[in-house]
Amino acid sequence: KIIIMFQWYKKVVFENYANFNGRARRSEYWYFVLFNMIFAIMAMILDNLLGLNFAPIPYGWLYLIYALALFLPGLSVAVRRLHDLNKSGWFMFIVLIPIIGSIWLLVLFCTEGTSGPNSYGEDPKQ
């Protein structure tokens, strides 16, 4: 199971680095989020162990480099996830609505995608 999850992460990060076209299933998005959190926490721990953190916060150079490198893949997989719901990537700006916008986007990311083809491509489940 771990190997399958890592393959999703590899697919999103290395093969679809800046691909904003098409659709992403829930599993593709959430596996990316899971591995991204694990690697970000590992970068923070390494920053603290190696003394590279920006005092007094726990973040340092390794975390900063990791976060910058994964910003574009994270954005692209989120846009493709919205495409699976037949929504434009611009719908990400809903987070600018205080509190409710973030909750609404989280609910959308957890929602089943549209069945069959939609205006953004074929159903990734098929």
C-alpha atoms as a PDB file:
ATOM      1  CA  LYS A   1       0.000   0.000   0.000  1.00  0.00           C
ATOM      2  CA  ILE A   2       2.851   2.401   0.819  1.00  0.00           C
ATOM      3  CA  ILE A   3       4.417   1.728  -2.584  1.00  0.00           C
ATOM      4  CA  ILE A   4       1.151   2.598  -4.337  1.00  0.00           C
ATOM      5  CA  MET A   5       0.888   5.859  -2.368  1.00  0.00           C
ATOM      6  CA  PHE A   6       4.474   6.757  -3.200  1.00  0.00           C
ATOM      7  CA  GLN A   7       3.785   6.074  -6.887  1.00  0.00           C
ATOM      8  CA  TRP A   8       0.945   8.617  -6.739  1.00  0.00           C
ATOM      9  CA  TYR A   9       3.299  11.131  -5.130  1.00  0.00           C
ATOM     10  CA  LYS A  10       5.949  10.469  -7.760  1.00  0.00           C
ATOM     11  CA  LYS A  11       3.355  10.850 -10.521  1.00  0.00           C
ATOM     12  CA  VAL A  12       2.172  14.205  -9.204  1.00  0.00           C
ATOM     13  CA  VAL A  13       5.550  15.675  -8.334  1.00  0.00           C
ATOM     14  CA  PHE A  14       7.803  14.457 -11.123  1.00  0.00           C
ATOM     15  CA  GLU A  15       5.585  13.492 -14.049  1.00  0.00           C
ATOM     16  CA  ASN A  16       2.889  16.189 -13.707  1.00  0.00           C
ATOM     17  CA  TYR A  17       5.035  18.906 -12.148  1.00  0.00           C
ATOM     18  CA  ALA A  18       3.186  21.829 -13.745  1.00  0.00           C
ATOM     19  CA  ASN A  19       0.341  20.092 -15.565  1.00  0.00           C
ATOM     20  CA  PHE A  20      -2.818  22.111 -14.999  1.00  0.00           C
ATOM     21  CA  ASN A  21      -4.816  20.186 -17.613  1.00  0.00           C
ATOM     22  CA  GLY A  22      -6.955  17.142 -17.005  1.00  0.00           C
ATOM     23  CA  ARG A  23      -8.434  15.712 -13.857  1.00  0.00           C
ATOM     24  CA  ALA A  24      -7.098  14.300 -10.580  1.00  0.00           C
ATOM     25  CA  ARG A  25      -8.938  11.732  -8.491  1.00  0.00           C
ATOM     26  CA  ARG A  26      -9.395  12.182  -4.766  1.00  0.00           C
ATOM     27  CA  SER A  27      -6.778   9.528  -4.052  1.00  0.00           C
ATOM     28  CA  GLU A  28      -4.173  11.283  -6.205  1.00  0.00           C
ATOM     29  CA  TYR A  29      -4.749  14.562  -4.384  1.00  0.00           C
ATOM     30  CA  TRP A  30      -4.847  13.133  -0.850  1.00  0.00           C
ATOM     31  CA  TYR A  31      -1.805  10.875  -1.352  1.00  0.00           C
ATOM     32  CA  PHE A  32       0.073  13.948  -2.503  1.00  0.00           C
ATOM     33  CA  VAL A  33      -1.061  15.847   0.612  1.00  0.00           C
ATOM     34  CA  LEU A  34      -0.092  12.946   2.892  1.00  0.00           C
ATOM     35  CA  PHE A  35       3.433  12.560   1.509  1.00  0.00           C
ATOM     36  CA  ASN A  36       3.884  16.316   1.311  1.00  0.00           C
ATOM     37  CA  MET A  37       3.101  16.626   5.032  1.00  0.00           C
ATOM     38  CA  ILE A  38       5.464  13.770   5.917  1.00  0.00           C
ATOM     39  CA  PHE A  39       8.352  15.243   3.907  1.00  0.00           C
ATOM     40  CA  ALA A  40       7.683  18.774   5.210  1.00  0.00           C
ATOM     41  CA  ILE A  41       7.807  17.555   8.811  1.00  0.00           C
ATOM     42  CA  MET A  42      11.025  15.659   8.062  1.00  0.00           C
ATOM     43  CA  ALA A  43      12.526  18.853   6.592  1.00  0.00           C
ATOM     44  CA  MET A  44      11.564  20.799   9.729  1.00  0.00           C
ATOM     45  CA  ILE A  45      13.108  18.140  11.969  1.00  0.00           C
ATOM     46  CA  LEU A  46      16.312  18.154   9.920  1.00  0.00           C
ATOM     47  CA  ASP A  47      16.423  21.949  10.058  1.00  0.00           C
ATOM     48  CA  ASN A  48      16.237  21.800  13.850  1.00  0.00           C
ATOM     49  CA  LEU A  49      18.762  18.978  14.192  1.00  0.00           C
ATOM     50  CA  LEU A  50      21.269  20.675  11.892  1.00  0.00           C
ATOM     51  CA  GLY A  51      20.704  24.128  13.379  1.00  0.00           C
ATOM     52  CA  LEU A  52      19.464  25.575  10.096  1.00  0.00           C
ATOM     53  CA  ASN A  53      16.207  26.942  11.470  1.00  0.00           C
ATOM     54  CA  PHE A  54      15.339  30.621  11.578  1.00  0.00           C
ATOM     55  CA  ALA A  55      15.169  31.278  15.338  1.00  0.00           C
ATOM     56  CA  PRO A  56      12.645  31.275  17.041  1.00  0.00           C
ATOM     57  CA  ILE A  57      10.510  29.441  14.448  1.00  0.00           C
ATOM     58  CA  PRO A  58      11.080  25.746  13.637  1.00  0.00           C
ATOM     59  CA  TYR A  59      11.367  26.325   9.892  1.00  0.00           C
ATOM     60  CA  GLY A  60      14.704  26.616   8.162  1.00  0.00           C
ATOM     61  CA  TRP A  61      16.479  26.463   4.831  1.00  0.00           C
ATOM     62  CA  LEU A  62      15.611  22.840   4.016  1.00  0.00           C
ATOM     63  CA  TYR A  63      11.921  23.423   4.677  1.00  0.00           C
ATOM     64  CA  LEU A  64      11.980  26.661   2.671  1.00  0.00           C
ATOM     65  CA  ILE A  65      13.604  24.965  -0.335  1.00  0.00           C
ATOM     66  CA  TYR A  66      11.185  22.035  -0.089  1.00  0.00           C
ATOM     67  CA  ALA A  67       8.142  24.324   0.163  1.00  0.00           C
ATOM     68  CA  LEU A  68       9.237  26.399  -2.823  1.00  0.00           C
ATOM     69  CA  ALA A  69       9.961  23.295  -4.914  1.00  0.00           C
ATOM     70  CA  LEU A  70       6.557  21.770  -4.148  1.00  0.00           C
ATOM     71  CA  PHE A  71       4.452  24.912  -4.522  1.00  0.00           C
ATOM     72  CA  LEU A  72       3.789  24.453  -8.249  1.00  0.00           C
ATOM     73  CA  PRO A  73       3.007  20.707  -8.086  1.00  0.00           C
ATOM     74  CA  GLY A  74       0.678  21.337  -5.149  1.00  0.00           C
ATOM     75  CA  LEU A  75      -1.145  24.050  -7.031  1.00  0.00           C
ATOM     76  CA  SER A  76      -1.415  21.952 -10.177  1.00  0.00           C
ATOM     77  CA  VAL A  77      -2.826  18.886  -8.398  1.00  0.00           C
ATOM     78  CA  ALA A  78      -5.357  21.107  -6.589  1.00  0.00           C
ATOM     79  CA  VAL A  79      -6.470  22.635  -9.892  1.00  0.00           C
ATOM     80  CA  ARG A  80      -6.781  19.196 -11.486  1.00  0.00           C
ATOM     81  CA  ARG A  81      -8.798  18.073  -8.442  1.00  0.00           C
ATOM     82  CA  LEU A  82     -11.206  20.964  -9.025  1.00  0.00           C
ATOM     83  CA  HIS A  83     -11.361  19.987 -12.700  1.00  0.00           C
ATOM     84  CA  ASP A  84     -12.536  16.537 -11.603  1.00  0.00           C
ATOM     85  CA  LEU A  85     -15.477  18.308  -9.965  1.00  0.00           C
ATOM     86  CA  ASN A  86     -16.096  20.224 -13.229  1.00  0.00           C
ATOM     87  CA  LYS A  87     -14.956  23.496 -11.642  1.00  0.00           C
ATOM     88  CA  SER A  88     -12.387  25.947 -12.926  1.00  0.00           C
ATOM     89  CA  GLY A  89      -9.005  26.238 -11.247  1.00  0.00           C
ATOM     90  CA  TRP A  90      -9.890  29.855 -10.492  1.00  0.00           C
ATOM     91  CA  PHE A  91     -12.306  28.431  -7.928  1.00  0.00           C
ATOM     92  CA  MET A  92      -9.253  28.160  -5.629  1.00  0.00           C
ATOM     93  CA  PHE A  93      -9.724  31.840  -4.845  1.00  0.00           C
ATOM     94  CA  ILE A  94     -12.721  30.854  -2.728  1.00  0.00           C
ATOM     95  CA  VAL A  95     -10.246  30.535   0.148  1.00  0.00           C
ATOM     96  CA  LEU A  96     -10.125  34.335   0.234  1.00  0.00           C
ATOM     97  CA  ILE A  97     -13.539  34.273   1.896  1.00  0.00           C
ATOM     98  CA  PRO A  98     -12.644  34.135   5.599  1.00  0.00           C
ATOM     99  CA  ILE A  99     -13.271  30.778   7.326  1.00  0.00           C
ATOM    100  CA  ILE A 100     -16.122  29.609   5.082  1.00  0.00           C
ATOM    101  CA  GLY A 101     -14.004  29.651   1.922  1.00  0.00           C
ATOM    102  CA  SER A 102     -11.412  27.259   3.356  1.00  0.00           C
ATOM    103  CA  ILE A 103     -14.082  24.919   4.661  1.00  0.00           C
ATOM    104  CA  TRP A 104     -15.891  24.969   1.315  1.00  0.00           C
ATOM    105  CA  LEU A 105     -12.681  24.152  -0.577  1.00  0.00           C
ATOM    106  CA  LEU A 106     -11.898  21.302   1.831  1.00  0.00           C
ATOM    107  CA  VAL A 107     -15.379  19.878   1.276  1.00  0.00           C
ATOM    108  CA  LEU A 108     -14.853  20.117  -2.483  1.00  0.00           C
ATOM    109  CA  PHE A 109     -11.521  18.289  -2.255  1.00  0.00           C
ATOM    110  CA  CYS A 110     -13.284  15.498  -0.342  1.00  0.00           C
ATOM    111  CA  THR A 111     -16.215  15.263  -2.768  1.00  0.00           C
ATOM    112  CA  GLU A 112     -16.527  12.515  -5.395  1.00  0.00           C
ATOM    113  CA  GLY A 113     -15.662  13.745  -8.888  1.00  0.00           C
ATOM    114  CA  THR A 114     -18.160  13.895 -11.715  1.00  0.00           C
ATOM    115  CA  SER A 115     -18.857  10.538 -13.354  1.00  0.00           C
ATOM    116  CA  GLY A 116     -17.935  10.195 -16.989  1.00  0.00           C
ATOM    117  CA  PRO A 117     -16.313  12.860 -19.102  1.00  0.00           C
ATOM    118  CA  ASN A 118     -16.722  16.509 -18.226  1.00  0.00           C
ATOM    119  CA  SER A 119     -15.458  19.739 -19.811  1.00  0.00           C
ATOM    120  CA  TYR A 120     -11.930  19.065 -18.465  1.00  0.00           C
ATOM    121  CA  GLY A 121     -11.423  15.553 -19.791  1.00  0.00           C
ATOM    122  CA  GLU A 122     -12.211  11.911 -19.385  1.00  0.00           C
ATOM    123  CA  ASP A 123     -13.080  10.323 -16.044  1.00  0.00           C
ATOM    124  CA  PRO A 124      -9.757   9.299 -14.418  1.00  0.00           C
ATOM    125  CA  LYS A 125     -11.459   6.297 -12.795  1.00  0.00           C
ATOM    126  CA  GLN A 126     -12.024   4.665 -16.170  1.00  0.00           C
END
